[in-house]
Amino acid sequence: MSPHHEDGAVRHDWTTQEIEALHDLPLLELVGRANAVHRRHHDPNRIRKASLLSVKTGGCPEDCAYCPQSAHHRGVDLTRDRLMDPATVLAQAARAKAAGAERFCMGAAWRQVRDGAEFDAVVAMVEGVRALGMEACVTLGMLKAHQAARLAAAGLTAYNHNLDTGPDFYDRIVTTRRYQDRLDTLATVREAGIGLCCGGIVGMGEAMTDRAGLLQVLAGLAPHPESVPINALVPVEGTPLADQPRIDPLDLVRMVATARLVLPTSILRLSAGRAQLGREAQILCFLAGANSVFAGDTLLTTPNAEHDDDEALFAALAPRQSAGTGHAPP
């Protein structure tokens, strides 16, 4: 199928060349095509809200170049915290629900899940979030089949395990874990019947071919991930990517639009880096196919969009109320 005749069908055979051709279309044409596919599969006026909480912060043995939680990056000013108490986590989940969040995501800075009291506590968190009537998502690193089965039995909606970037650029970003390790974890999650939340980060110095490579891998998963976070790098002092320039907002729009064309049914989550986007750039991302945001002050350890800014954003997206000037319409 030619990328110039994309009809919104779900495909698993995209090539990186096809994806690059889509990405490099004139911007208005690209966004227009993506919006048409978006409308075919989603309510264009529905933007979902999720909340993300770091339930165990810092001290991670992985060396991800972008991450301030890595124990390898000793120049980062970050306090290490032990796993939070489930009751404290559930109180925050209840507040997030009251603020409009449909999904509550919990992240622990682990390389892999280990059986024991801490994992038992995470299972209790999942059960508690589901009891609140919210979707529950966790990101805990690699996990084994029996651990995935426990999370599934607790009612876990989705497991977040990002690929970060395309396979050819991956070892420039992470050396403590193989790309195949990530794919194996995704397969374990799928086999347990848990939904996938899997995306990546743009703006780490990768080429467009690497962005296309990421999308090609995601589109090759069958079924596609139900949720795909699209992150823009937030450079953090003390990490190897601290001096990386911020991505052009329109490059993020292109990435969202391209993702929508190759992942037509997935929820595209506008994630890290959203705080640096203006209201208009965010709306362009929604037009191009993004249909979820993370609300709240922080995303794990990096700043997120301010509450008042989000209020203004969603007010701008709402139906316009006529001012009632008293004049008859022309």
C-alpha atoms as a PDB file:
ATOM      1  CA  MET A   1       0.000   0.000   0.000  1.00  0.00           C
ATOM      2  CA  SER A   2       1.402   3.387  -0.930  1.00  0.00           C
ATOM      3  CA  PRO A   3       1.767   5.825   1.968  1.00  0.00           C
ATOM      4  CA  HIS A   4       0.098   8.373  -0.288  1.00  0.00           C
ATOM      5  CA  HIS A   5      -3.151   6.368  -0.233  1.00  0.00           C
ATOM      6  CA  GLU A   6      -3.400   5.725   3.492  1.00  0.00           C
ATOM      7  CA  ASP A   7      -6.977   4.884   4.458  1.00  0.00           C
ATOM      8  CA  GLY A   8      -6.670   4.357   8.196  1.00  0.00           C
ATOM      9  CA  ALA A   9      -6.578   0.570   7.999  1.00  0.00           C
ATOM     10  CA  VAL A  10      -4.676  -1.218  10.753  1.00  0.00           C
ATOM     11  CA  ARG A  11      -1.410  -2.494   9.295  1.00  0.00           C
ATOM     12  CA  HIS A  12       1.513  -4.370  10.788  1.00  0.00           C
ATOM     13  CA  ASP A  13       3.756  -4.321   7.720  1.00  0.00           C
ATOM     14  CA  TRP A  14       4.890  -0.692   7.594  1.00  0.00           C
ATOM     15  CA  THR A  15       8.445  -0.095   6.401  1.00  0.00           C
ATOM     16  CA  THR A  16      10.613   2.667   7.812  1.00  0.00           C
ATOM     17  CA  GLN A  17      10.791   4.160   4.315  1.00  0.00           C
ATOM     18  CA  GLU A  18       7.001   4.421   4.117  1.00  0.00           C
ATOM     19  CA  ILE A  19       6.847   6.004   7.548  1.00  0.00           C
ATOM     20  CA  GLU A  20       9.561   8.531   6.670  1.00  0.00           C
ATOM     21  CA  ALA A  21       7.666   9.444   3.501  1.00  0.00           C
ATOM     22  CA  LEU A  22       4.569  10.192   5.573  1.00  0.00           C
ATOM     23  CA  HIS A  23       6.537  12.190   8.135  1.00  0.00           C
ATOM     24  CA  ASP A  24       8.083  14.378   5.431  1.00  0.00           C
ATOM     25  CA  LEU A  25       4.815  15.325   3.730  1.00  0.00           C
ATOM     26  CA  PRO A  26       3.932  19.047   3.718  1.00  0.00           C
ATOM     27  CA  LEU A  27       2.863  19.752   7.295  1.00  0.00           C
ATOM     28  CA  LEU A  28      -0.698  20.806   6.523  1.00  0.00           C
ATOM     29  CA  GLU A  29      -1.268  17.770   4.329  1.00  0.00           C
ATOM     30  CA  LEU A  30       0.211  15.473   6.974  1.00  0.00           C
ATOM     31  CA  VAL A  31      -1.972  16.920   9.731  1.00  0.00           C
ATOM     32  CA  GLY A  32      -5.033  16.798   7.468  1.00  0.00           C
ATOM     33  CA  ARG A  33      -4.531  13.127   6.670  1.00  0.00           C
ATOM     34  CA  ALA A  34      -3.862  12.291  10.296  1.00  0.00           C
ATOM     35  CA  ASN A  35      -6.983  14.146  11.410  1.00  0.00           C
ATOM     36  CA  ALA A  36      -9.113  12.218   8.909  1.00  0.00           C
ATOM     37  CA  VAL A  37      -7.790   8.895  10.238  1.00  0.00           C
ATOM     38  CA  HIS A  38      -8.213  10.123  13.816  1.00  0.00           C
ATOM     39  CA  ARG A  39     -11.870  10.967  13.209  1.00  0.00           C
ATOM     40  CA  ARG A  40     -12.443   7.546  11.659  1.00  0.00           C
ATOM     41  CA  HIS A  41     -11.356   5.756  14.831  1.00  0.00           C
ATOM     42  CA  HIS A  42     -11.826   8.216  17.711  1.00  0.00           C
ATOM     43  CA  ASP A  43     -14.072  10.952  19.044  1.00  0.00           C
ATOM     44  CA  PRO A  44     -12.082  14.048  17.980  1.00  0.00           C
ATOM     45  CA  ASN A  45     -13.422  16.067  20.916  1.00  0.00           C
ATOM     46  CA  ARG A  46     -12.468  13.607  23.634  1.00  0.00           C
ATOM     47  CA  ILE A  47      -9.116  14.244  25.326  1.00  0.00           C
ATOM     48  CA  ARG A  48      -8.497  11.753  28.116  1.00  0.00           C
ATOM     49  CA  LYS A  49      -6.723  12.742  31.309  1.00  0.00           C
ATOM     50  CA  ALA A  50      -4.307  10.529  33.192  1.00  0.00           C
ATOM     51  CA  SER A  51      -2.246  11.121  36.312  1.00  0.00           C
ATOM     52  CA  LEU A  52       1.281   9.810  36.885  1.00  0.00           C
ATOM     53  CA  LEU A  53       2.936   9.297  40.274  1.00  0.00           C
ATOM     54  CA  SER A  54       6.465   8.156  41.112  1.00  0.00           C
ATOM     55  CA  VAL A  55       5.841   5.625  43.886  1.00  0.00           C
ATOM     56  CA  LYS A  56       9.548   4.790  44.261  1.00  0.00           C
ATOM     57  CA  THR A  57      12.030   7.445  43.170  1.00  0.00           C
ATOM     58  CA  GLY A  58      15.728   7.342  42.282  1.00  0.00           C
ATOM     59  CA  GLY A  59      18.511   4.805  42.559  1.00  0.00           C
ATOM     60  CA  CYS A  60      17.671   2.945  39.350  1.00  0.00           C
ATOM     61  CA  PRO A  61      20.547   0.697  38.162  1.00  0.00           C
ATOM     62  CA  GLU A  62      19.773   1.378  34.485  1.00  0.00           C
ATOM     63  CA  ASP A  63      21.870   4.035  32.707  1.00  0.00           C
ATOM     64  CA  CYS A  64      19.185   5.622  30.461  1.00  0.00           C
ATOM     65  CA  ALA A  65      20.846   8.841  29.262  1.00  0.00           C
ATOM     66  CA  TYR A  66      17.685  10.932  29.614  1.00  0.00           C
ATOM     67  CA  CYS A  67      16.646   9.808  33.085  1.00  0.00           C
ATOM     68  CA  PRO A  68      17.423  11.706  36.312  1.00  0.00           C
ATOM     69  CA  GLN A  69      16.517   8.602  38.337  1.00  0.00           C
ATOM     70  CA  SER A  70      19.537   6.635  37.135  1.00  0.00           C
ATOM     71  CA  ALA A  71      22.098   5.862  39.840  1.00  0.00           C
ATOM     72  CA  HIS A  72      24.770   6.289  37.149  1.00  0.00           C
ATOM     73  CA  HIS A  73      24.144  10.048  36.847  1.00  0.00           C
ATOM     74  CA  ARG A  74      25.684  11.297  40.069  1.00  0.00           C
ATOM     75  CA  GLY A  75      25.461  14.940  39.039  1.00  0.00           C
ATOM     76  CA  VAL A  76      21.654  14.922  39.269  1.00  0.00           C
ATOM     77  CA  ASP A  77      20.136  16.634  42.294  1.00  0.00           C
ATOM     78  CA  LEU A  78      17.436  14.121  43.178  1.00  0.00           C
ATOM     79  CA  THR A  79      16.406  12.706  46.540  1.00  0.00           C
ATOM     80  CA  ARG A  80      16.000   8.950  46.594  1.00  0.00           C
ATOM     81  CA  ASP A  81      12.744   7.812  48.145  1.00  0.00           C
ATOM     82  CA  ARG A  82      11.652   4.347  49.168  1.00  0.00           C
ATOM     83  CA  LEU A  83       8.417   2.795  47.949  1.00  0.00           C
ATOM     84  CA  MET A  84       5.416   4.807  49.066  1.00  0.00           C
ATOM     85  CA  ASP A  85       2.796   3.377  51.388  1.00  0.00           C
ATOM     86  CA  PRO A  86      -0.261   2.098  49.447  1.00  0.00           C
ATOM     87  CA  ALA A  87      -2.651   4.212  51.526  1.00  0.00           C
ATOM     88  CA  THR A  88      -0.750   7.392  50.584  1.00  0.00           C
ATOM     89  CA  VAL A  89      -0.757   6.397  46.926  1.00  0.00           C
ATOM     90  CA  LEU A  90      -4.485   5.681  46.941  1.00  0.00           C
ATOM     91  CA  ALA A  91      -5.217   9.038  48.576  1.00  0.00           C
ATOM     92  CA  GLN A  92      -3.400  10.716  45.685  1.00  0.00           C
ATOM     93  CA  ALA A  93      -5.293   8.539  43.199  1.00  0.00           C
ATOM     94  CA  ALA A  94      -8.587   9.686  44.709  1.00  0.00           C
ATOM     95  CA  ARG A  95      -7.526  13.321  44.337  1.00  0.00           C
ATOM     96  CA  ALA A  96      -6.541  12.681  40.731  1.00  0.00           C
ATOM     97  CA  LYS A  97      -9.933  11.147  40.027  1.00  0.00           C
ATOM     98  CA  ALA A  98     -11.673  14.153  41.572  1.00  0.00           C
ATOM     99  CA  ALA A  99      -9.615  16.359  39.225  1.00  0.00           C
ATOM    100  CA  GLY A 100     -10.860  14.449  36.186  1.00  0.00           C
ATOM    101  CA  ALA A 101      -8.236  11.738  35.659  1.00  0.00           C
ATOM    102  CA  GLU A 102      -9.533   8.474  34.216  1.00  0.00           C
ATOM    103  CA  ARG A 103      -6.247   6.573  34.554  1.00  0.00           C
ATOM    104  CA  PHE A 104      -3.772   6.513  37.442  1.00  0.00           C
ATOM    105  CA  CYS A 105      -0.235   5.504  36.532  1.00  0.00           C
ATOM    106  CA  MET A 106       2.381   4.452  39.077  1.00  0.00           C
ATOM    107  CA  GLY A 107       6.097   4.280  38.363  1.00  0.00           C
ATOM    108  CA  ALA A 108       8.819   2.596  40.396  1.00  0.00           C
ATOM    109  CA  ALA A 109      12.483   3.142  39.505  1.00  0.00           C
ATOM    110  CA  TRP A 110      13.360  -0.541  39.279  1.00  0.00           C
ATOM    111  CA  ARG A 111      15.313  -2.476  36.656  1.00  0.00           C
ATOM    112  CA  GLN A 112      13.032  -5.459  37.181  1.00  0.00           C
ATOM    113  CA  VAL A 113      10.260  -6.624  39.469  1.00  0.00           C
ATOM    114  CA  ARG A 114      11.325  -8.690  42.477  1.00  0.00           C
ATOM    115  CA  ASP A 115       8.930 -10.808  44.477  1.00  0.00           C
ATOM    116  CA  GLY A 116       8.438  -9.779  48.066  1.00  0.00           C
ATOM    117  CA  ALA A 117       6.851  -7.133  50.247  1.00  0.00           C
ATOM    118  CA  GLU A 118       7.415  -4.255  47.806  1.00  0.00           C
ATOM    119  CA  PHE A 119       5.790  -6.065  44.898  1.00  0.00           C
ATOM    120  CA  ASP A 120       2.939  -7.107  47.206  1.00  0.00           C
ATOM    121  CA  ALA A 121       2.453  -3.410  48.011  1.00  0.00           C
ATOM    122  CA  VAL A 122       2.311  -2.498  44.308  1.00  0.00           C
ATOM    123  CA  VAL A 123      -0.317  -5.199  43.739  1.00  0.00           C
ATOM    124  CA  ALA A 124      -2.340  -3.658  46.597  1.00  0.00           C
ATOM    125  CA  MET A 125      -2.007  -0.240  44.930  1.00  0.00           C
ATOM    126  CA  VAL A 126      -3.366  -1.642  41.668  1.00  0.00           C
ATOM    127  CA  GLU A 127      -6.313  -3.253  43.453  1.00  0.00           C
ATOM    128  CA  GLY A 128      -7.035  -0.003  45.279  1.00  0.00           C
ATOM    129  CA  VAL A 129      -6.938   2.144  42.146  1.00  0.00           C
ATOM    130  CA  ARG A 130      -9.313  -0.228  40.370  1.00  0.00           C
ATOM    131  CA  ALA A 131     -11.643  -0.127  43.381  1.00  0.00           C
ATOM    132  CA  LEU A 132     -11.819   3.643  42.896  1.00  0.00           C
ATOM    133  CA  GLY A 133     -13.233   3.026  39.425  1.00  0.00           C
ATOM    134  CA  MET A 134     -10.087   4.200  37.629  1.00  0.00           C
ATOM    135  CA  GLU A 135      -7.870   2.531  35.054  1.00  0.00           C
ATOM    136  CA  ALA A 136      -4.582   1.401  36.632  1.00  0.00           C
ATOM    137  CA  CYS A 137      -1.187   1.438  34.927  1.00  0.00           C
ATOM    138  CA  VAL A 138       2.245   0.647  36.335  1.00  0.00           C
ATOM    139  CA  THR A 139       5.814   0.857  35.068  1.00  0.00           C
ATOM    140  CA  LEU A 140       8.165  -1.354  37.060  1.00  0.00           C
ATOM    141  CA  GLY A 141      10.820  -2.481  34.606  1.00  0.00           C
ATOM    142  CA  MET A 142      11.187  -6.052  33.404  1.00  0.00           C
ATOM    143  CA  LEU A 143       8.919  -8.707  34.879  1.00  0.00           C
ATOM    144  CA  LYS A 144       8.374 -12.446  34.765  1.00  0.00           C
ATOM    145  CA  ALA A 145       5.284 -14.303  33.640  1.00  0.00           C
ATOM    146  CA  HIS A 146       4.050 -15.149  37.147  1.00  0.00           C
ATOM    147  CA  GLN A 147       4.421 -11.488  38.172  1.00  0.00           C
ATOM    148  CA  ALA A 148       2.456 -10.331  35.147  1.00  0.00           C
ATOM    149  CA  ALA A 149      -0.220 -12.880  36.063  1.00  0.00           C
ATOM    150  CA  ARG A 150      -0.474 -11.404  39.575  1.00  0.00           C
ATOM    151  CA  LEU A 151      -0.871  -7.906  38.166  1.00  0.00           C
ATOM    152  CA  ALA A 152      -3.528  -9.135  35.759  1.00  0.00           C
ATOM    153  CA  ALA A 153      -5.422 -10.806  38.605  1.00  0.00           C
ATOM    154  CA  ALA A 154      -5.284  -7.519  40.527  1.00  0.00           C
ATOM    155  CA  GLY A 155      -7.060  -5.849  37.621  1.00  0.00           C
ATOM    156  CA  LEU A 156      -4.157  -3.957  36.033  1.00  0.00           C
ATOM    157  CA  THR A 157      -5.383  -2.121  32.951  1.00  0.00           C
ATOM    158  CA  ALA A 158      -2.042  -1.454  31.288  1.00  0.00           C
ATOM    159  CA  TYR A 159       1.680  -1.967  31.762  1.00  0.00           C
ATOM    160  CA  ASN A 160       3.954   0.856  30.644  1.00  0.00           C
ATOM    161  CA  HIS A 161       7.256  -0.216  29.133  1.00  0.00           C
ATOM    162  CA  ASN A 162       8.566   2.275  26.587  1.00  0.00           C
ATOM    163  CA  LEU A 163      10.930   1.361  23.773  1.00  0.00           C
ATOM    164  CA  ASP A 164      12.373   4.889  24.014  1.00  0.00           C
ATOM    165  CA  THR A 165      13.684   5.062  20.423  1.00  0.00           C
ATOM    166  CA  GLY A 166      14.338   3.007  17.312  1.00  0.00           C
ATOM    167  CA  PRO A 167      16.489  -0.126  17.571  1.00  0.00           C
ATOM    168  CA  ASP A 168      19.453   1.388  15.689  1.00  0.00           C
ATOM    169  CA  PHE A 169      19.806   4.333  18.091  1.00  0.00           C
ATOM    170  CA  TYR A 170      18.971   2.484  21.276  1.00  0.00           C
ATOM    171  CA  ASP A 171      22.500   1.660  22.419  1.00  0.00           C
ATOM    172  CA  ARG A 172      23.356   5.371  22.268  1.00  0.00           C
ATOM    173  CA  ILE A 173      20.769   5.920  25.015  1.00  0.00           C
ATOM    174  CA  VAL A 174      20.805   2.740  27.126  1.00  0.00           C
ATOM    175  CA  THR A 175      23.589   0.181  27.599  1.00  0.00           C
ATOM    176  CA  THR A 176      22.367  -1.722  30.652  1.00  0.00           C
ATOM    177  CA  ARG A 177      19.432  -3.365  28.880  1.00  0.00           C
ATOM    178  CA  ARG A 178      19.014  -4.763  25.369  1.00  0.00           C
ATOM    179  CA  TYR A 179      16.251  -3.725  23.007  1.00  0.00           C
ATOM    180  CA  GLN A 180      15.191  -7.362  22.917  1.00  0.00           C
ATOM    181  CA  ASP A 181      14.766  -7.283  26.713  1.00  0.00           C
ATOM    182  CA  ARG A 182      12.130  -4.610  26.257  1.00  0.00           C
ATOM    183  CA  LEU A 183      10.381  -6.564  23.525  1.00  0.00           C
ATOM    184  CA  ASP A 184      10.415  -9.691  25.697  1.00  0.00           C
ATOM    185  CA  THR A 185       8.752  -7.759  28.538  1.00  0.00           C
ATOM    186  CA  LEU A 186       6.067  -6.509  26.170  1.00  0.00           C
ATOM    187  CA  ALA A 187       5.408 -10.096  25.075  1.00  0.00           C
ATOM    188  CA  THR A 188       5.129 -11.221  28.718  1.00  0.00           C
ATOM    189  CA  VAL A 189       2.598  -8.465  29.392  1.00  0.00           C
ATOM    190  CA  ARG A 190       0.537  -9.419  26.341  1.00  0.00           C
ATOM    191  CA  GLU A 191       0.531 -13.094  27.291  1.00  0.00           C
ATOM    192  CA  ALA A 192      -0.942 -12.148  30.684  1.00  0.00           C
ATOM    193  CA  GLY A 193      -3.809 -10.305  28.975  1.00  0.00           C
ATOM    194  CA  ILE A 194      -2.732  -6.841  30.146  1.00  0.00           C
ATOM    195  CA  GLY A 195      -2.923  -3.838  27.824  1.00  0.00           C
ATOM    196  CA  LEU A 196       0.277  -2.258  26.541  1.00  0.00           C
ATOM    197  CA  CYS A 197       1.321   1.340  27.136  1.00  0.00           C
ATOM    198  CA  CYS A 198       4.423   1.692  24.989  1.00  0.00           C
ATOM    199  CA  GLY A 199       5.950   4.658  23.213  1.00  0.00           C
ATOM    200  CA  GLY A 200       9.138   6.656  23.099  1.00  0.00           C
ATOM    201  CA  ILE A 201      11.010   9.928  23.323  1.00  0.00           C
ATOM    202  CA  VAL A 202      11.933  12.367  20.573  1.00  0.00           C
ATOM    203  CA  GLY A 203      14.621  15.017  20.758  1.00  0.00           C
ATOM    204  CA  MET A 204      17.475  12.872  22.111  1.00  0.00           C
ATOM    205  CA  GLY A 205      19.700  13.503  19.084  1.00  0.00           C
ATOM    206  CA  GLU A 206      18.188  10.741  16.987  1.00  0.00           C
ATOM    207  CA  ALA A 207      17.696  10.970  13.215  1.00  0.00           C
ATOM    208  CA  MET A 208      14.289  10.887  11.555  1.00  0.00           C
ATOM    209  CA  THR A 209      15.116   7.323  10.504  1.00  0.00           C
ATOM    210  CA  ASP A 210      15.273   6.402  14.199  1.00  0.00           C
ATOM    211  CA  ARG A 211      11.875   7.958  14.864  1.00  0.00           C
ATOM    212  CA  ALA A 212      10.476   6.022  11.924  1.00  0.00           C
ATOM    213  CA  GLY A 213      12.192   2.904  13.282  1.00  0.00           C
ATOM    214  CA  LEU A 214      10.426   3.312  16.618  1.00  0.00           C
ATOM    215  CA  LEU A 215       7.036   3.653  14.934  1.00  0.00           C
ATOM    216  CA  GLN A 216       7.787   0.704  12.653  1.00  0.00           C
ATOM    217  CA  VAL A 217       8.462  -1.532  15.675  1.00  0.00           C
ATOM    218  CA  LEU A 218       5.316  -0.344  17.460  1.00  0.00           C
ATOM    219  CA  ALA A 219       3.198  -0.860  14.347  1.00  0.00           C
ATOM    220  CA  GLY A 220       4.655  -4.354  13.953  1.00  0.00           C
ATOM    221  CA  LEU A 221       3.228  -5.425  17.309  1.00  0.00           C
ATOM    222  CA  ALA A 222      -0.016  -7.363  16.932  1.00  0.00           C
ATOM    223  CA  PRO A 223      -2.238  -5.948  18.215  1.00  0.00           C
ATOM    224  CA  HIS A 224      -0.892  -2.421  18.320  1.00  0.00           C
ATOM    225  CA  PRO A 225      -0.309  -1.013  21.811  1.00  0.00           C
ATOM    226  CA  GLU A 226      -3.563   0.327  23.214  1.00  0.00           C
ATOM    227  CA  SER A 227      -1.694   3.370  24.519  1.00  0.00           C
ATOM    228  CA  VAL A 228       1.338   5.114  22.996  1.00  0.00           C
ATOM    229  CA  PRO A 229       3.018   7.894  25.006  1.00  0.00           C
ATOM    230  CA  ILE A 230       4.867  10.406  22.833  1.00  0.00           C
ATOM    231  CA  ASN A 231       7.454  12.213  24.922  1.00  0.00           C
ATOM    232  CA  ALA A 232       9.675  15.165  24.068  1.00  0.00           C
ATOM    233  CA  LEU A 233      12.995  15.100  25.889  1.00  0.00           C
ATOM    234  CA  VAL A 234      13.124  17.266  28.991  1.00  0.00           C
ATOM    235  CA  PRO A 235      16.874  17.865  29.470  1.00  0.00           C
ATOM    236  CA  VAL A 236      17.852  17.491  33.118  1.00  0.00           C
ATOM    237  CA  GLU A 237      21.085  18.874  34.571  1.00  0.00           C
ATOM    238  CA  GLY A 238      23.471  16.092  35.482  1.00  0.00           C
ATOM    239  CA  THR A 239      22.276  13.638  32.815  1.00  0.00           C
ATOM    240  CA  PRO A 240      24.238  12.933  29.606  1.00  0.00           C
ATOM    241  CA  LEU A 241      21.517  14.702  27.582  1.00  0.00           C
ATOM    242  CA  ALA A 242      21.467  17.827  29.751  1.00  0.00           C
ATOM    243  CA  ASP A 243      22.697  20.068  26.904  1.00  0.00           C
ATOM    244  CA  GLN A 244      20.470  18.618  24.204  1.00  0.00           C
ATOM    245  CA  PRO A 245      18.440  21.432  22.583  1.00  0.00           C
ATOM    246  CA  ARG A 246      14.684  21.269  22.999  1.00  0.00           C
ATOM    247  CA  ILE A 247      12.722  19.905  20.087  1.00  0.00           C
ATOM    248  CA  ASP A 248      10.848  22.279  17.767  1.00  0.00           C
ATOM    249  CA  PRO A 249       7.157  22.001  18.695  1.00  0.00           C
ATOM    250  CA  LEU A 250       6.246  21.414  15.048  1.00  0.00           C
ATOM    251  CA  ASP A 251       8.565  18.396  14.987  1.00  0.00           C
ATOM    252  CA  LEU A 252       6.461  16.980  17.808  1.00  0.00           C
ATOM    253  CA  VAL A 253       3.310  17.714  15.791  1.00  0.00           C
ATOM    254  CA  ARG A 254       4.826  15.767  12.880  1.00  0.00           C
ATOM    255  CA  MET A 255       5.644  12.832  15.152  1.00  0.00           C
ATOM    256  CA  VAL A 256       2.097  12.752  16.544  1.00  0.00           C
ATOM    257  CA  ALA A 257       0.549  12.936  13.079  1.00  0.00           C
ATOM    258  CA  THR A 258       2.792  10.193  11.717  1.00  0.00           C
ATOM    259  CA  ALA A 259       2.050   8.004  14.731  1.00  0.00           C
ATOM    260  CA  ARG A 260      -1.670   8.482  14.172  1.00  0.00           C
ATOM    261  CA  LEU A 261      -1.371   7.314  10.559  1.00  0.00           C
ATOM    262  CA  VAL A 262       0.503   4.113  11.396  1.00  0.00           C
ATOM    263  CA  LEU A 263      -1.220   3.433  14.744  1.00  0.00           C
ATOM    264  CA  PRO A 264      -4.790   4.456  13.888  1.00  0.00           C
ATOM    265  CA  THR A 265      -6.609   2.871  16.840  1.00  0.00           C
ATOM    266  CA  SER A 266      -4.096   3.549  19.628  1.00  0.00           C
ATOM    267  CA  ILE A 267      -4.572   6.232  22.262  1.00  0.00           C
ATOM    268  CA  LEU A 268      -1.742   8.708  21.651  1.00  0.00           C
ATOM    269  CA  ARG A 269      -0.660  10.252  24.935  1.00  0.00           C
ATOM    270  CA  LEU A 270       0.990  13.669  24.812  1.00  0.00           C
ATOM    271  CA  SER A 271       3.427  13.146  27.662  1.00  0.00           C
ATOM    272  CA  ALA A 272       6.760  14.590  28.846  1.00  0.00           C
ATOM    273  CA  GLY A 273       7.731  17.936  27.355  1.00  0.00           C
ATOM    274  CA  ARG A 274       4.149  19.176  27.151  1.00  0.00           C
ATOM    275  CA  ALA A 275       4.936  21.926  29.667  1.00  0.00           C
ATOM    276  CA  GLN A 276       7.198  23.539  27.068  1.00  0.00           C
ATOM    277  CA  LEU A 277       4.488  23.623  24.400  1.00  0.00           C
ATOM    278  CA  GLY A 278       2.236  26.611  23.962  1.00  0.00           C
ATOM    279  CA  ARG A 279      -1.517  26.186  23.927  1.00  0.00           C
ATOM    280  CA  GLU A 280      -1.648  26.411  20.142  1.00  0.00           C
ATOM    281  CA  ALA A 281       1.043  23.742  19.626  1.00  0.00           C
ATOM    282  CA  GLN A 282      -0.838  21.383  21.940  1.00  0.00           C
ATOM    283  CA  ILE A 283      -4.052  21.969  20.013  1.00  0.00           C
ATOM    284  CA  LEU A 284      -2.197  21.192  16.773  1.00  0.00           C
ATOM    285  CA  CYS A 285      -1.083  17.911  18.366  1.00  0.00           C
ATOM    286  CA  PHE A 286      -4.709  17.119  19.235  1.00  0.00           C
ATOM    287  CA  LEU A 287      -5.746  17.964  15.689  1.00  0.00           C
ATOM    288  CA  ALA A 288      -3.016  15.613  14.451  1.00  0.00           C
ATOM    289  CA  GLY A 289      -4.279  12.722  16.574  1.00  0.00           C
ATOM    290  CA  ALA A 290      -3.156  13.041  20.197  1.00  0.00           C
ATOM    291  CA  ASN A 291      -6.074  12.232  22.465  1.00  0.00           C
ATOM    292  CA  SER A 292      -4.696  12.004  25.985  1.00  0.00           C
ATOM    293  CA  VAL A 293      -2.585  14.090  28.344  1.00  0.00           C
ATOM    294  CA  PHE A 294      -1.037  13.597  31.737  1.00  0.00           C
ATOM    295  CA  ALA A 295      -2.402  16.124  34.209  1.00  0.00           C
ATOM    296  CA  GLY A 296      -0.679  17.134  37.436  1.00  0.00           C
ATOM    297  CA  ASP A 297       2.352  19.090  38.593  1.00  0.00           C
ATOM    298  CA  THR A 298       5.009  16.502  37.691  1.00  0.00           C
ATOM    299  CA  LEU A 299       5.627  13.502  35.452  1.00  0.00           C
ATOM    300  CA  LEU A 300       7.631  11.207  37.733  1.00  0.00           C
ATOM    301  CA  THR A 301      10.401  13.774  38.395  1.00  0.00           C
ATOM    302  CA  THR A 302      10.110  16.353  35.598  1.00  0.00           C
ATOM    303  CA  PRO A 303       7.772  19.382  35.475  1.00  0.00           C
ATOM    304  CA  ASN A 304       4.394  19.076  33.813  1.00  0.00           C
ATOM    305  CA  ALA A 305       1.936  21.663  32.539  1.00  0.00           C
ATOM    306  CA  GLU A 306       0.573  23.950  35.261  1.00  0.00           C
ATOM    307  CA  HIS A 307      -2.997  23.382  36.446  1.00  0.00           C
ATOM    308  CA  ASP A 308      -4.114  26.880  35.400  1.00  0.00           C
ATOM    309  CA  ASP A 309      -2.582  26.414  31.950  1.00  0.00           C
ATOM    310  CA  ASP A 310      -4.453  23.150  31.523  1.00  0.00           C
ATOM    311  CA  GLU A 311      -7.670  24.800  32.652  1.00  0.00           C
ATOM    312  CA  ALA A 312      -7.191  27.459  29.972  1.00  0.00           C
ATOM    313  CA  LEU A 313      -6.328  24.813  27.375  1.00  0.00           C
ATOM    314  CA  PHE A 314      -9.435  22.739  27.993  1.00  0.00           C
ATOM    315  CA  ALA A 315     -11.577  25.879  28.153  1.00  0.00           C
ATOM    316  CA  ALA A 316     -10.313  26.779  24.680  1.00  0.00           C
ATOM    317  CA  LEU A 317     -11.286  23.315  23.427  1.00  0.00           C
ATOM    318  CA  ALA A 318     -14.796  23.500  24.899  1.00  0.00           C
ATOM    319  CA  PRO A 319     -17.845  24.680  22.926  1.00  0.00           C
ATOM    320  CA  ARG A 320     -17.797  28.436  22.487  1.00  0.00           C
ATOM    321  CA  GLN A 321     -20.364  30.339  24.519  1.00  0.00           C
ATOM    322  CA  SER A 322     -21.934  33.285  22.709  1.00  0.00           C
ATOM    323  CA  ALA A 323     -21.414  36.577  24.502  1.00  0.00           C
ATOM    324  CA  GLY A 324     -24.854  37.899  23.577  1.00  0.00           C
ATOM    325  CA  THR A 325     -24.151  41.377  22.206  1.00  0.00           C
ATOM    326  CA  GLY A 326     -27.772  42.102  21.444  1.00  0.00           C
ATOM    327  CA  HIS A 327     -27.034  42.557  17.746  1.00  0.00           C
ATOM    328  CA  ALA A 328     -28.756  40.375  15.177  1.00  0.00           C
ATOM    329  CA  PRO A 329     -26.412  38.039  13.301  1.00  0.00           C
ATOM    330  CA  PRO A 330     -25.389  39.302   9.848  1.00  0.00           C
END
